[in-house]
Amino acid sequence: MAFSLKALASRNLSRSVRQFSSSTQNNAKVAVLGASGGIGQPMSLLIKQSPLVSHLALYDIANTPGVAADLSHIETKAKVTGHQGPDELQECLEGCSIVVIPAGVPRKPGMTRDDLFNTNASIVKTLAEGCAKYCPKAMIGIISNPVNSTVPITSEVFKAAGVYDPNRIFGVSTLDIVRANTFIAEAKGLDVSTTNCPVIGGHSGITIIPVISQCTPKVSFGEEELAQMTDRIQNAGTEVVNAKAGAGSATLSMAYAGARFTFSLIEAMNGKQGVIECAFVKSDLTEATYFATPLLLGPNGIEKNLGIGTLSAYETKLVKDCIEELKKNIKKGEDFAANN
């Protein structure tokens, strides 16, 4: 590839929290929309630990004052405020550098991410309208599923408001990378903190494409083992949904991934060089108009799309096989925005 995947190791969350100096300037106001939920609460807890966050603004339709009060007792720098209901969304969003949106309903056994569409699409559209109005220059990280559709919805909202910047709207697919790194390290007996596998495509089912041929350190799998590893990474969310037996979906691991992506954005916005994350963004690299790839982040969002790189024959087929599904997901989001 044209970039070093070793740089990706710096994204390790625990190191990201510890490495920041309290004297660092350009501190950020970060908003979490959906802060009272299963992802929002643990993610807010992780974000509260970063000295780079000066203000953590929490928003939800219920229970936000309690979550904010609880987090505000933690002995770290960030001021915490709670905002509840539509009348308080403006106060939450004004002055934000980064907005992370995990709001929505979780998956249950037997549900796909696409089954969440109608409920979560409406939630994301409403929150995106608030972001476009009150913090149009903020970095927007969409976690609410189905990401393949909710990111296009967000883009269309920003276009309609006349404030669209494709370099500032991200579908947070970080959990796919976290899972790939974890599963590959476990399978090969590697140090997971230095294992890095890019994941491209989208953020559901067959659109999740782990590029194991580009993993560092280099690994190899037999044909059957490779297919099994790919399938596990693609369906890891369902693994958690089934294990929780109706009690929820992947909340804690998603909270970790969302916080890690947030820290990467803050680092890049503060001028750190070489910050790389994979994310689902507006793209012209394939027939699909949105596509996840490794991105070099900078002060204004995407500094450079690092592209797909050289794929194996197996990975090339995975990309080919996912494109129609991805295009369908994207169109569904765009149509929803146009018709609502």
C-alpha atoms as a PDB file:
ATOM      1  CA  MET A   1       0.000   0.000   0.000  1.00  0.00           C
ATOM      2  CA  ALA A   2       1.031   3.621  -0.356  1.00  0.00           C
ATOM      3  CA  PHE A   3       0.983   4.195   3.398  1.00  0.00           C
ATOM      4  CA  SER A   4       2.313   2.431   6.464  1.00  0.00           C
ATOM      5  CA  LEU A   5      -0.254   0.451   8.384  1.00  0.00           C
ATOM      6  CA  LYS A   6       2.115   0.617  11.354  1.00  0.00           C
ATOM      7  CA  ALA A   7       0.772   4.124  11.856  1.00  0.00           C
ATOM      8  CA  LEU A   8      -2.588   2.564  12.635  1.00  0.00           C
ATOM      9  CA  ALA A   9      -1.229   1.126  15.878  1.00  0.00           C
ATOM     10  CA  SER A  10      -1.218   4.611  17.371  1.00  0.00           C
ATOM     11  CA  ARG A  11      -5.012   4.450  17.421  1.00  0.00           C
ATOM     12  CA  ASN A  12      -5.017   2.073  20.363  1.00  0.00           C
ATOM     13  CA  LEU A  13      -7.593   3.591  22.688  1.00  0.00           C
ATOM     14  CA  SER A  14      -5.813   3.135  25.998  1.00  0.00           C
ATOM     15  CA  ARG A  15      -2.699   4.787  24.647  1.00  0.00           C
ATOM     16  CA  SER A  16      -4.792   7.526  23.073  1.00  0.00           C
ATOM     17  CA  VAL A  17      -6.208   8.403  26.479  1.00  0.00           C
ATOM     18  CA  ARG A  18      -2.855   8.335  28.270  1.00  0.00           C
ATOM     19  CA  GLN A  19      -0.672  10.066  25.731  1.00  0.00           C
ATOM     20  CA  PHE A  20      -2.475  13.412  25.767  1.00  0.00           C
ATOM     21  CA  SER A  21      -0.868  16.164  27.812  1.00  0.00           C
ATOM     22  CA  SER A  22      -3.104  18.368  29.897  1.00  0.00           C
ATOM     23  CA  SER A  23      -1.236  21.348  28.477  1.00  0.00           C
ATOM     24  CA  THR A  24      -2.366  20.571  24.906  1.00  0.00           C
ATOM     25  CA  GLN A  25      -4.186  23.476  23.312  1.00  0.00           C
ATOM     26  CA  ASN A  26      -7.192  23.532  20.992  1.00  0.00           C
ATOM     27  CA  ASN A  27      -9.398  21.489  23.288  1.00  0.00           C
ATOM     28  CA  ALA A  28     -12.642  20.206  21.831  1.00  0.00           C
ATOM     29  CA  LYS A  29     -16.311  20.361  22.623  1.00  0.00           C
ATOM     30  CA  VAL A  30     -17.707  16.923  21.804  1.00  0.00           C
ATOM     31  CA  ALA A  31     -21.417  16.114  21.662  1.00  0.00           C
ATOM     32  CA  VAL A  32     -22.828  12.610  22.007  1.00  0.00           C
ATOM     33  CA  LEU A  33     -26.364  12.360  20.627  1.00  0.00           C
ATOM     34  CA  GLY A  34     -28.037   9.342  22.146  1.00  0.00           C
ATOM     35  CA  ALA A  35     -25.935   9.612  25.282  1.00  0.00           C
ATOM     36  CA  SER A  36     -28.327   7.717  27.574  1.00  0.00           C
ATOM     37  CA  GLY A  37     -28.322   4.560  25.481  1.00  0.00           C
ATOM     38  CA  GLY A  38     -26.356   1.341  25.563  1.00  0.00           C
ATOM     39  CA  ILE A  39     -23.572   2.739  23.378  1.00  0.00           C
ATOM     40  CA  GLY A  40     -23.870   6.374  24.444  1.00  0.00           C
ATOM     41  CA  GLN A  41     -23.220   5.879  28.150  1.00  0.00           C
ATOM     42  CA  PRO A  42     -20.011   3.824  27.982  1.00  0.00           C
ATOM     43  CA  MET A  43     -18.710   5.862  25.048  1.00  0.00           C
ATOM     44  CA  SER A  44     -19.294   9.080  26.991  1.00  0.00           C
ATOM     45  CA  LEU A  45     -17.423   7.573  29.929  1.00  0.00           C
ATOM     46  CA  LEU A  46     -14.432   6.854  27.696  1.00  0.00           C
ATOM     47  CA  ILE A  47     -14.500  10.284  26.054  1.00  0.00           C
ATOM     48  CA  LYS A  48     -14.683  11.951  29.487  1.00  0.00           C
ATOM     49  CA  GLN A  49     -11.210  10.541  30.211  1.00  0.00           C
ATOM     50  CA  SER A  50      -9.445  12.517  27.462  1.00  0.00           C
ATOM     51  CA  PRO A  51      -7.722  15.760  28.532  1.00  0.00           C
ATOM     52  CA  LEU A  52      -8.250  17.011  24.965  1.00  0.00           C
ATOM     53  CA  VAL A  53     -11.993  17.248  25.581  1.00  0.00           C
ATOM     54  CA  SER A  54     -12.880  20.493  27.331  1.00  0.00           C
ATOM     55  CA  HIS A  55     -16.671  20.071  27.147  1.00  0.00           C
ATOM     56  CA  LEU A  56     -18.686  16.872  26.787  1.00  0.00           C
ATOM     57  CA  ALA A  57     -22.272  17.704  25.823  1.00  0.00           C
ATOM     58  CA  LEU A  58     -24.722  14.837  26.231  1.00  0.00           C
ATOM     59  CA  TYR A  59     -28.088  14.713  24.453  1.00  0.00           C
ATOM     60  CA  ASP A  60     -30.977  12.277  24.512  1.00  0.00           C
ATOM     61  CA  ILE A  61     -34.754  12.303  24.758  1.00  0.00           C
ATOM     62  CA  ALA A  62     -34.731  10.885  28.299  1.00  0.00           C
ATOM     63  CA  ASN A  63     -32.470  10.292  31.311  1.00  0.00           C
ATOM     64  CA  THR A  64     -29.740  12.678  30.166  1.00  0.00           C
ATOM     65  CA  PRO A  65     -29.541  14.780  33.371  1.00  0.00           C
ATOM     66  CA  GLY A  66     -28.758  11.669  35.402  1.00  0.00           C
ATOM     67  CA  VAL A  67     -26.083  10.430  33.028  1.00  0.00           C
ATOM     68  CA  ALA A  68     -24.501  13.890  32.921  1.00  0.00           C
ATOM     69  CA  ALA A  69     -24.546  14.247  36.705  1.00  0.00           C
ATOM     70  CA  ASP A  70     -22.945  10.839  37.108  1.00  0.00           C
ATOM     71  CA  LEU A  71     -20.144  11.533  34.626  1.00  0.00           C
ATOM     72  CA  SER A  72     -19.558  15.046  35.973  1.00  0.00           C
ATOM     73  CA  HIS A  73     -18.249  13.565  39.231  1.00  0.00           C
ATOM     74  CA  ILE A  74     -15.268  11.986  37.471  1.00  0.00           C
ATOM     75  CA  GLU A  75     -11.973  13.745  38.208  1.00  0.00           C
ATOM     76  CA  THR A  76     -11.013  14.625  34.652  1.00  0.00           C
ATOM     77  CA  LYS A  77     -10.875  17.912  32.809  1.00  0.00           C
ATOM     78  CA  ALA A  78     -13.972  17.816  30.612  1.00  0.00           C
ATOM     79  CA  LYS A  79     -16.993  19.800  31.720  1.00  0.00           C
ATOM     80  CA  VAL A  80     -20.149  17.696  31.303  1.00  0.00           C
ATOM     81  CA  THR A  81     -23.569  19.096  30.446  1.00  0.00           C
ATOM     82  CA  GLY A  82     -26.817  17.220  29.926  1.00  0.00           C
ATOM     83  CA  HIS A  83     -29.434  18.231  27.358  1.00  0.00           C
ATOM     84  CA  GLN A  84     -32.816  16.520  27.111  1.00  0.00           C
ATOM     85  CA  GLY A  85     -35.404  16.775  24.371  1.00  0.00           C
ATOM     86  CA  PRO A  86     -35.607  18.799  21.136  1.00  0.00           C
ATOM     87  CA  ASP A  87     -35.792  22.162  22.925  1.00  0.00           C
ATOM     88  CA  GLU A  88     -32.267  21.645  24.295  1.00  0.00           C
ATOM     89  CA  LEU A  89     -30.597  20.311  21.142  1.00  0.00           C
ATOM     90  CA  GLN A  90     -29.374  23.747  20.043  1.00  0.00           C
ATOM     91  CA  GLU A  91     -27.593  24.383  23.343  1.00  0.00           C
ATOM     92  CA  CYS A  92     -25.961  20.958  23.096  1.00  0.00           C
ATOM     93  CA  LEU A  93     -24.668  21.443  19.553  1.00  0.00           C
ATOM     94  CA  GLU A  94     -23.546  25.069  19.429  1.00  0.00           C
ATOM     95  CA  GLY A  95     -19.753  25.350  19.440  1.00  0.00           C
ATOM     96  CA  CYS A  96     -19.140  21.643  18.885  1.00  0.00           C
ATOM     97  CA  SER A  97     -15.982  20.434  17.166  1.00  0.00           C
ATOM     98  CA  ILE A  98     -17.176  16.839  16.922  1.00  0.00           C
ATOM     99  CA  VAL A  99     -20.629  15.260  17.086  1.00  0.00           C
ATOM    100  CA  VAL A 100     -20.955  11.496  17.519  1.00  0.00           C
ATOM    101  CA  ILE A 101     -24.380   9.974  16.906  1.00  0.00           C
ATOM    102  CA  PRO A 102     -25.136   6.536  18.395  1.00  0.00           C
ATOM    103  CA  ALA A 103     -28.862   7.323  18.835  1.00  0.00           C
ATOM    104  CA  GLY A 104     -31.367   4.698  17.771  1.00  0.00           C
ATOM    105  CA  VAL A 105     -32.788   1.305  18.601  1.00  0.00           C
ATOM    106  CA  PRO A 106     -30.525  -1.743  19.034  1.00  0.00           C
ATOM    107  CA  ARG A 107     -30.713  -4.974  17.103  1.00  0.00           C
ATOM    108  CA  LYS A 108     -32.411  -8.041  18.528  1.00  0.00           C
ATOM    109  CA  PRO A 109     -31.963 -11.698  17.540  1.00  0.00           C
ATOM    110  CA  GLY A 110     -33.138 -12.313  13.994  1.00  0.00           C
ATOM    111  CA  MET A 111     -32.829  -8.649  13.006  1.00  0.00           C
ATOM    112  CA  THR A 112     -30.431  -7.257  10.455  1.00  0.00           C
ATOM    113  CA  ARG A 113     -29.067  -3.737  10.607  1.00  0.00           C
ATOM    114  CA  ASP A 114     -31.403  -2.936   7.726  1.00  0.00           C
ATOM    115  CA  ASP A 115     -34.401  -3.923   9.854  1.00  0.00           C
ATOM    116  CA  LEU A 116     -33.639  -0.882  11.997  1.00  0.00           C
ATOM    117  CA  PHE A 117     -33.991   1.447   9.046  1.00  0.00           C
ATOM    118  CA  ASN A 118     -37.340   3.166   9.482  1.00  0.00           C
ATOM    119  CA  THR A 119     -36.889   4.058  13.153  1.00  0.00           C
ATOM    120  CA  ASN A 120     -33.233   4.985  13.033  1.00  0.00           C
ATOM    121  CA  ALA A 121     -33.469   6.837   9.719  1.00  0.00           C
ATOM    122  CA  SER A 122     -35.976   9.275  11.209  1.00  0.00           C
ATOM    123  CA  ILE A 123     -33.857   9.774  14.321  1.00  0.00           C
ATOM    124  CA  VAL A 124     -30.672  10.409  12.358  1.00  0.00           C
ATOM    125  CA  LYS A 125     -32.380  12.780   9.930  1.00  0.00           C
ATOM    126  CA  THR A 126     -33.733  14.909  12.783  1.00  0.00           C
ATOM    127  CA  LEU A 127     -30.382  15.035  14.571  1.00  0.00           C
ATOM    128  CA  ALA A 128     -28.508  15.751  11.325  1.00  0.00           C
ATOM    129  CA  GLU A 129     -30.830  18.698  10.698  1.00  0.00           C
ATOM    130  CA  GLY A 130     -29.843  20.067  14.100  1.00  0.00           C
ATOM    131  CA  CYS A 131     -26.156  19.602  13.323  1.00  0.00           C
ATOM    132  CA  ALA A 132     -26.487  21.312   9.937  1.00  0.00           C
ATOM    133  CA  LYS A 133     -28.193  24.257  11.610  1.00  0.00           C
ATOM    134  CA  TYR A 134     -26.220  24.676  14.833  1.00  0.00           C
ATOM    135  CA  CYS A 135     -22.710  23.268  14.133  1.00  0.00           C
ATOM    136  CA  PRO A 136     -22.324  22.961  10.362  1.00  0.00           C
ATOM    137  CA  LYS A 137     -18.499  22.846  10.524  1.00  0.00           C
ATOM    138  CA  ALA A 138     -18.316  20.069  13.121  1.00  0.00           C
ATOM    139  CA  MET A 139     -17.006  16.606  12.314  1.00  0.00           C
ATOM    140  CA  ILE A 140     -19.989  14.239  12.275  1.00  0.00           C
ATOM    141  CA  GLY A 141     -19.493  10.586  13.224  1.00  0.00           C
ATOM    142  CA  ILE A 142     -22.515   8.391  12.456  1.00  0.00           C
ATOM    143  CA  ILE A 143     -22.818   5.201  14.499  1.00  0.00           C
ATOM    144  CA  SER A 144     -26.586   4.692  14.209  1.00  0.00           C
ATOM    145  CA  ASN A 145     -27.343   1.674  12.033  1.00  0.00           C
ATOM    146  CA  PRO A 146     -27.742   0.944   9.208  1.00  0.00           C
ATOM    147  CA  VAL A 147     -24.631   3.084   8.620  1.00  0.00           C
ATOM    148  CA  ASN A 148     -24.673   2.276   4.891  1.00  0.00           C
ATOM    149  CA  SER A 149     -27.950   4.245   4.733  1.00  0.00           C
ATOM    150  CA  THR A 150     -27.737   6.729   7.621  1.00  0.00           C
ATOM    151  CA  VAL A 151     -24.534   8.333   6.307  1.00  0.00           C
ATOM    152  CA  PRO A 152     -26.185   9.160   2.947  1.00  0.00           C
ATOM    153  CA  ILE A 153     -29.183  10.529   4.869  1.00  0.00           C
ATOM    154  CA  THR A 154     -26.879  12.840   6.823  1.00  0.00           C
ATOM    155  CA  SER A 155     -25.149  13.984   3.646  1.00  0.00           C
ATOM    156  CA  GLU A 156     -28.454  14.781   1.955  1.00  0.00           C
ATOM    157  CA  VAL A 157     -29.571  16.805   4.983  1.00  0.00           C
ATOM    158  CA  PHE A 158     -26.376  18.854   4.880  1.00  0.00           C
ATOM    159  CA  LYS A 159     -26.748  19.346   1.127  1.00  0.00           C
ATOM    160  CA  ALA A 160     -30.299  20.622   1.589  1.00  0.00           C
ATOM    161  CA  ALA A 161     -29.063  23.083   4.211  1.00  0.00           C
ATOM    162  CA  GLY A 162     -26.299  24.319   1.900  1.00  0.00           C
ATOM    163  CA  VAL A 163     -23.493  23.361   4.312  1.00  0.00           C
ATOM    164  CA  TYR A 164     -22.331  20.006   2.925  1.00  0.00           C
ATOM    165  CA  ASP A 165     -18.658  19.107   3.248  1.00  0.00           C
ATOM    166  CA  PRO A 166     -18.002  15.431   2.426  1.00  0.00           C
ATOM    167  CA  ASN A 167     -14.695  15.591   4.279  1.00  0.00           C
ATOM    168  CA  ARG A 168     -16.487  16.089   7.609  1.00  0.00           C
ATOM    169  CA  ILE A 169     -19.142  13.330   7.559  1.00  0.00           C
ATOM    170  CA  PHE A 170     -18.068   9.834   8.586  1.00  0.00           C
ATOM    171  CA  GLY A 171     -19.724   6.486   9.054  1.00  0.00           C
ATOM    172  CA  VAL A 172     -17.908   5.061  12.051  1.00  0.00           C
ATOM    173  CA  SER A 173     -16.915   1.572  10.900  1.00  0.00           C
ATOM    174  CA  THR A 174     -14.062   1.370  13.422  1.00  0.00           C
ATOM    175  CA  LEU A 175     -15.613  -1.606  15.197  1.00  0.00           C
ATOM    176  CA  ASP A 176     -15.039  -3.728  12.089  1.00  0.00           C
ATOM    177  CA  ILE A 177     -11.318  -2.944  12.279  1.00  0.00           C
ATOM    178  CA  VAL A 178     -11.232  -3.556  16.041  1.00  0.00           C
ATOM    179  CA  ARG A 179     -12.852  -6.962  15.526  1.00  0.00           C
ATOM    180  CA  ALA A 180     -10.585  -7.896  12.629  1.00  0.00           C
ATOM    181  CA  ASN A 181      -7.499  -7.002  14.666  1.00  0.00           C
ATOM    182  CA  THR A 182      -8.748  -8.963  17.673  1.00  0.00           C
ATOM    183  CA  PHE A 183      -9.794 -12.095  15.791  1.00  0.00           C
ATOM    184  CA  ILE A 184      -6.650 -12.238  13.647  1.00  0.00           C
ATOM    185  CA  ALA A 185      -4.365 -11.699  16.632  1.00  0.00           C
ATOM    186  CA  GLU A 186      -6.154 -14.449  18.546  1.00  0.00           C
ATOM    187  CA  ALA A 187      -5.940 -16.864  15.617  1.00  0.00           C
ATOM    188  CA  LYS A 188      -2.238 -16.244  15.001  1.00  0.00           C
ATOM    189  CA  GLY A 189      -1.002 -15.662  18.545  1.00  0.00           C
ATOM    190  CA  LEU A 190      -0.018 -12.061  17.795  1.00  0.00           C
ATOM    191  CA  ASP A 191       0.199  -8.968  19.992  1.00  0.00           C
ATOM    192  CA  VAL A 192      -3.177  -7.392  19.306  1.00  0.00           C
ATOM    193  CA  SER A 193      -1.851  -3.891  20.073  1.00  0.00           C
ATOM    194  CA  THR A 194       0.397  -4.101  16.999  1.00  0.00           C
ATOM    195  CA  THR A 195      -1.962  -6.048  14.743  1.00  0.00           C
ATOM    196  CA  ASN A 196      -3.676  -3.927  12.115  1.00  0.00           C
ATOM    197  CA  CYS A 197      -6.062  -5.044   9.400  1.00  0.00           C
ATOM    198  CA  PRO A 198      -7.876  -2.468   7.257  1.00  0.00           C
ATOM    199  CA  VAL A 199     -11.556  -3.119   6.580  1.00  0.00           C
ATOM    200  CA  ILE A 200     -13.144  -1.562   3.509  1.00  0.00           C
ATOM    201  CA  GLY A 201     -16.581  -1.460   1.855  1.00  0.00           C
ATOM    202  CA  GLY A 202     -19.537  -0.839   4.133  1.00  0.00           C
ATOM    203  CA  HIS A 203     -20.734  -1.656   7.641  1.00  0.00           C
ATOM    204  CA  SER A 204     -23.093  -4.615   7.337  1.00  0.00           C
ATOM    205  CA  GLY A 205     -22.884  -8.240   6.260  1.00  0.00           C
ATOM    206  CA  ILE A 206     -21.174  -8.878   2.948  1.00  0.00           C
ATOM    207  CA  THR A 207     -20.276  -5.210   2.545  1.00  0.00           C
ATOM    208  CA  ILE A 208     -17.736  -5.581   5.389  1.00  0.00           C
ATOM    209  CA  ILE A 209     -14.488  -6.575   3.655  1.00  0.00           C
ATOM    210  CA  PRO A 210     -11.444  -7.295   5.838  1.00  0.00           C
ATOM    211  CA  VAL A 211      -8.318  -6.812   3.727  1.00  0.00           C
ATOM    212  CA  ILE A 212      -6.311  -9.526   5.410  1.00  0.00           C
ATOM    213  CA  SER A 213      -3.698  -9.471   2.640  1.00  0.00           C
ATOM    214  CA  GLN A 214      -2.703  -5.990   3.876  1.00  0.00           C
ATOM    215  CA  CYS A 215      -2.614  -6.917   7.564  1.00  0.00           C
ATOM    216  CA  THR A 216       0.466  -5.996   9.594  1.00  0.00           C
ATOM    217  CA  PRO A 217       2.248  -8.040  10.667  1.00  0.00           C
ATOM    218  CA  LYS A 218       1.730 -10.125   7.552  1.00  0.00           C
ATOM    219  CA  VAL A 219      -0.433 -13.207   8.113  1.00  0.00           C
ATOM    220  CA  SER A 220      -1.598 -16.056   5.943  1.00  0.00           C
ATOM    221  CA  PHE A 221      -4.622 -18.343   6.136  1.00  0.00           C
ATOM    222  CA  GLY A 222      -5.612 -21.422   4.190  1.00  0.00           C
ATOM    223  CA  GLU A 223      -8.586 -21.042   1.864  1.00  0.00           C
ATOM    224  CA  GLU A 224     -11.135 -22.497   4.270  1.00  0.00           C
ATOM    225  CA  GLU A 225      -9.692 -20.688   7.290  1.00  0.00           C
ATOM    226  CA  LEU A 226      -9.684 -17.394   5.369  1.00  0.00           C
ATOM    227  CA  ALA A 227     -13.359 -17.814   4.466  1.00  0.00           C
ATOM    228  CA  GLN A 228     -14.206 -18.598   8.099  1.00  0.00           C
ATOM    229  CA  MET A 229     -12.267 -15.580   9.389  1.00  0.00           C
ATOM    230  CA  THR A 230     -13.902 -13.262   6.854  1.00  0.00           C
ATOM    231  CA  ASP A 231     -17.351 -14.585   7.728  1.00  0.00           C
ATOM    232  CA  ARG A 232     -16.736 -14.116  11.454  1.00  0.00           C
ATOM    233  CA  ILE A 233     -15.644 -10.502  10.974  1.00  0.00           C
ATOM    234  CA  GLN A 234     -18.635  -9.794   8.722  1.00  0.00           C
ATOM    235  CA  ASN A 235     -21.123 -11.324  11.167  1.00  0.00           C
ATOM    236  CA  ALA A 236     -19.499 -10.475  14.489  1.00  0.00           C
ATOM    237  CA  GLY A 237     -22.348  -8.148  15.377  1.00  0.00           C
ATOM    238  CA  THR A 238     -24.831 -10.990  15.057  1.00  0.00           C
ATOM    239  CA  GLU A 239     -22.553 -13.091  17.267  1.00  0.00           C
ATOM    240  CA  VAL A 240     -23.007 -10.520  20.047  1.00  0.00           C
ATOM    241  CA  VAL A 241     -26.745 -10.070  19.449  1.00  0.00           C
ATOM    242  CA  ASN A 242     -27.287 -13.819  19.753  1.00  0.00           C
ATOM    243  CA  ALA A 243     -25.038 -14.127  22.810  1.00  0.00           C
ATOM    244  CA  LYS A 244     -27.043 -11.405  24.574  1.00  0.00           C
ATOM    245  CA  ALA A 245     -30.227 -13.337  23.747  1.00  0.00           C
ATOM    246  CA  GLY A 246     -32.486 -10.358  23.233  1.00  0.00           C
ATOM    247  CA  ALA A 247     -30.849  -8.150  25.873  1.00  0.00           C
ATOM    248  CA  GLY A 248     -29.063  -5.915  23.383  1.00  0.00           C
ATOM    249  CA  SER A 249     -26.442  -5.645  20.677  1.00  0.00           C
ATOM    250  CA  ALA A 250     -22.757  -4.721  20.559  1.00  0.00           C
ATOM    251  CA  THR A 251     -22.716  -1.748  22.919  1.00  0.00           C
ATOM    252  CA  LEU A 252     -19.443  -1.916  24.845  1.00  0.00           C
ATOM    253  CA  SER A 253     -17.203  -2.780  21.911  1.00  0.00           C
ATOM    254  CA  MET A 254     -18.967  -0.139  19.805  1.00  0.00           C
ATOM    255  CA  ALA A 255     -18.468   2.406  22.581  1.00  0.00           C
ATOM    256  CA  TYR A 256     -14.751   1.607  22.541  1.00  0.00           C
ATOM    257  CA  ALA A 257     -14.587   1.935  18.757  1.00  0.00           C
ATOM    258  CA  GLY A 258     -16.567   5.183  18.728  1.00  0.00           C
ATOM    259  CA  ALA A 259     -14.340   6.720  21.382  1.00  0.00           C
ATOM    260  CA  ARG A 260     -11.224   5.642  19.511  1.00  0.00           C
ATOM    261  CA  PHE A 261     -12.475   7.263  16.321  1.00  0.00           C
ATOM    262  CA  THR A 262     -13.316  10.433  18.257  1.00  0.00           C
ATOM    263  CA  PHE A 263      -9.812  10.584  19.735  1.00  0.00           C
ATOM    264  CA  SER A 264      -8.299  10.132  16.273  1.00  0.00           C
ATOM    265  CA  LEU A 265     -10.359  13.057  14.969  1.00  0.00           C
ATOM    266  CA  ILE A 266      -9.259  15.263  17.874  1.00  0.00           C
ATOM    267  CA  GLU A 267      -5.605  14.345  17.363  1.00  0.00           C
ATOM    268  CA  ALA A 268      -5.818  15.164  13.648  1.00  0.00           C
ATOM    269  CA  MET A 269      -7.712  18.412  14.265  1.00  0.00           C
ATOM    270  CA  ASN A 270      -4.960  19.428  16.688  1.00  0.00           C
ATOM    271  CA  GLY A 271      -2.321  18.938  14.002  1.00  0.00           C
ATOM    272  CA  LYS A 272      -0.954  15.478  14.738  1.00  0.00           C
ATOM    273  CA  GLN A 273       0.501  13.984  11.570  1.00  0.00           C
ATOM    274  CA  GLY A 274      -0.167  10.498  10.222  1.00  0.00           C
ATOM    275  CA  VAL A 275      -3.526   9.837  11.893  1.00  0.00           C
ATOM    276  CA  ILE A 276      -5.232   7.100   9.882  1.00  0.00           C
ATOM    277  CA  GLU A 277      -8.679   5.590  10.364  1.00  0.00           C
ATOM    278  CA  CYS A 278     -10.971   3.546   8.151  1.00  0.00           C
ATOM    279  CA  ALA A 279     -14.444   5.055   7.794  1.00  0.00           C
ATOM    280  CA  PHE A 280     -17.467   4.935   5.487  1.00  0.00           C
ATOM    281  CA  VAL A 281     -17.426   8.174   3.480  1.00  0.00           C
ATOM    282  CA  LYS A 282     -18.381   9.784   0.184  1.00  0.00           C
ATOM    283  CA  SER A 283     -16.182   8.145  -2.413  1.00  0.00           C
ATOM    284  CA  ASP A 284     -15.552   7.777  -6.134  1.00  0.00           C
ATOM    285  CA  LEU A 285     -13.310   4.715  -5.864  1.00  0.00           C
ATOM    286  CA  THR A 286     -16.016   2.211  -6.867  1.00  0.00           C
ATOM    287  CA  GLU A 287     -19.478   2.225  -8.437  1.00  0.00           C
ATOM    288  CA  ALA A 288     -20.857   2.773  -4.931  1.00  0.00           C
ATOM    289  CA  THR A 289     -20.942   6.482  -4.114  1.00  0.00           C
ATOM    290  CA  TYR A 290     -19.930   5.801  -0.491  1.00  0.00           C
ATOM    291  CA  PHE A 291     -17.197   3.355   0.463  1.00  0.00           C
ATOM    292  CA  ALA A 292     -15.066   2.709   3.528  1.00  0.00           C
ATOM    293  CA  THR A 293     -11.293   2.915   3.090  1.00  0.00           C
ATOM    294  CA  PRO A 294      -8.320   4.012   5.186  1.00  0.00           C
ATOM    295  CA  LEU A 295      -8.305   7.823   5.482  1.00  0.00           C
ATOM    296  CA  LEU A 296      -5.548  10.207   6.438  1.00  0.00           C
ATOM    297  CA  LEU A 297      -7.207  12.656   8.817  1.00  0.00           C
ATOM    298  CA  GLY A 298      -6.312  16.323   9.232  1.00  0.00           C
ATOM    299  CA  PRO A 299      -7.576  19.568  10.768  1.00  0.00           C
ATOM    300  CA  ASN A 300     -10.429  19.753   8.239  1.00  0.00           C
ATOM    301  CA  GLY A 301     -11.461  16.119   8.300  1.00  0.00           C
ATOM    302  CA  ILE A 302     -10.362  13.882   5.447  1.00  0.00           C
ATOM    303  CA  GLU A 303      -6.954  15.065   4.296  1.00  0.00           C
ATOM    304  CA  LYS A 304      -6.469  12.199   1.848  1.00  0.00           C
ATOM    305  CA  ASN A 305      -8.387   9.071   0.938  1.00  0.00           C
ATOM    306  CA  LEU A 306      -5.700   6.380   0.951  1.00  0.00           C
ATOM    307  CA  GLY A 307      -7.723   4.107  -1.270  1.00  0.00           C
ATOM    308  CA  ILE A 308      -8.234   0.398  -1.544  1.00  0.00           C
ATOM    309  CA  GLY A 309      -4.648  -0.643  -2.219  1.00  0.00           C
ATOM    310  CA  THR A 310      -3.694  -3.921  -3.854  1.00  0.00           C
ATOM    311  CA  LEU A 311      -6.217  -6.669  -3.159  1.00  0.00           C
ATOM    312  CA  SER A 312      -5.914 -10.421  -3.384  1.00  0.00           C
ATOM    313  CA  ALA A 313      -8.122 -12.265  -5.857  1.00  0.00           C
ATOM    314  CA  TYR A 314     -10.345 -13.337  -2.954  1.00  0.00           C
ATOM    315  CA  GLU A 315     -10.740  -9.745  -1.702  1.00  0.00           C
ATOM    316  CA  THR A 316     -11.368  -8.453  -5.225  1.00  0.00           C
ATOM    317  CA  LYS A 317     -14.274 -10.876  -5.508  1.00  0.00           C
ATOM    318  CA  LEU A 318     -15.616  -9.760  -2.109  1.00  0.00           C
ATOM    319  CA  VAL A 319     -15.658  -6.157  -3.352  1.00  0.00           C
ATOM    320  CA  LYS A 320     -17.366  -7.127  -6.594  1.00  0.00           C
ATOM    321  CA  ASP A 321     -19.978  -9.172  -4.747  1.00  0.00           C
ATOM    322  CA  CYS A 322     -20.859  -6.382  -2.295  1.00  0.00           C
ATOM    323  CA  ILE A 323     -21.255  -3.437  -4.654  1.00  0.00           C
ATOM    324  CA  GLU A 324     -24.893  -3.986  -5.622  1.00  0.00           C
ATOM    325  CA  GLU A 325     -25.911  -4.445  -1.983  1.00  0.00           C
ATOM    326  CA  LEU A 326     -24.016  -1.320  -1.014  1.00  0.00           C
ATOM    327  CA  LYS A 327     -25.583   0.710  -3.834  1.00  0.00           C
ATOM    328  CA  LYS A 328     -29.039  -0.464  -2.711  1.00  0.00           C
ATOM    329  CA  ASN A 329     -28.325   0.581   0.898  1.00  0.00           C
ATOM    330  CA  ILE A 330     -27.065   4.000  -0.200  1.00  0.00           C
ATOM    331  CA  LYS A 331     -30.057   4.637  -2.465  1.00  0.00           C
ATOM    332  CA  LYS A 332     -32.420   3.663   0.344  1.00  0.00           C
ATOM    333  CA  GLY A 333     -30.911   6.384   2.531  1.00  0.00           C
ATOM    334  CA  GLU A 334     -30.951   9.001  -0.210  1.00  0.00           C
ATOM    335  CA  ASP A 335     -34.546   8.207  -1.113  1.00  0.00           C
ATOM    336  CA  PHE A 336     -35.592   8.477   2.532  1.00  0.00           C
ATOM    337  CA  ALA A 337     -34.017  11.910   2.801  1.00  0.00           C
ATOM    338  CA  ALA A 338     -35.684  13.041  -0.408  1.00  0.00           C
ATOM    339  CA  ASN A 339     -39.139  11.776   0.542  1.00  0.00           C
ATOM    340  CA  ASN A 340     -39.198  12.862   4.173  1.00  0.00           C
END
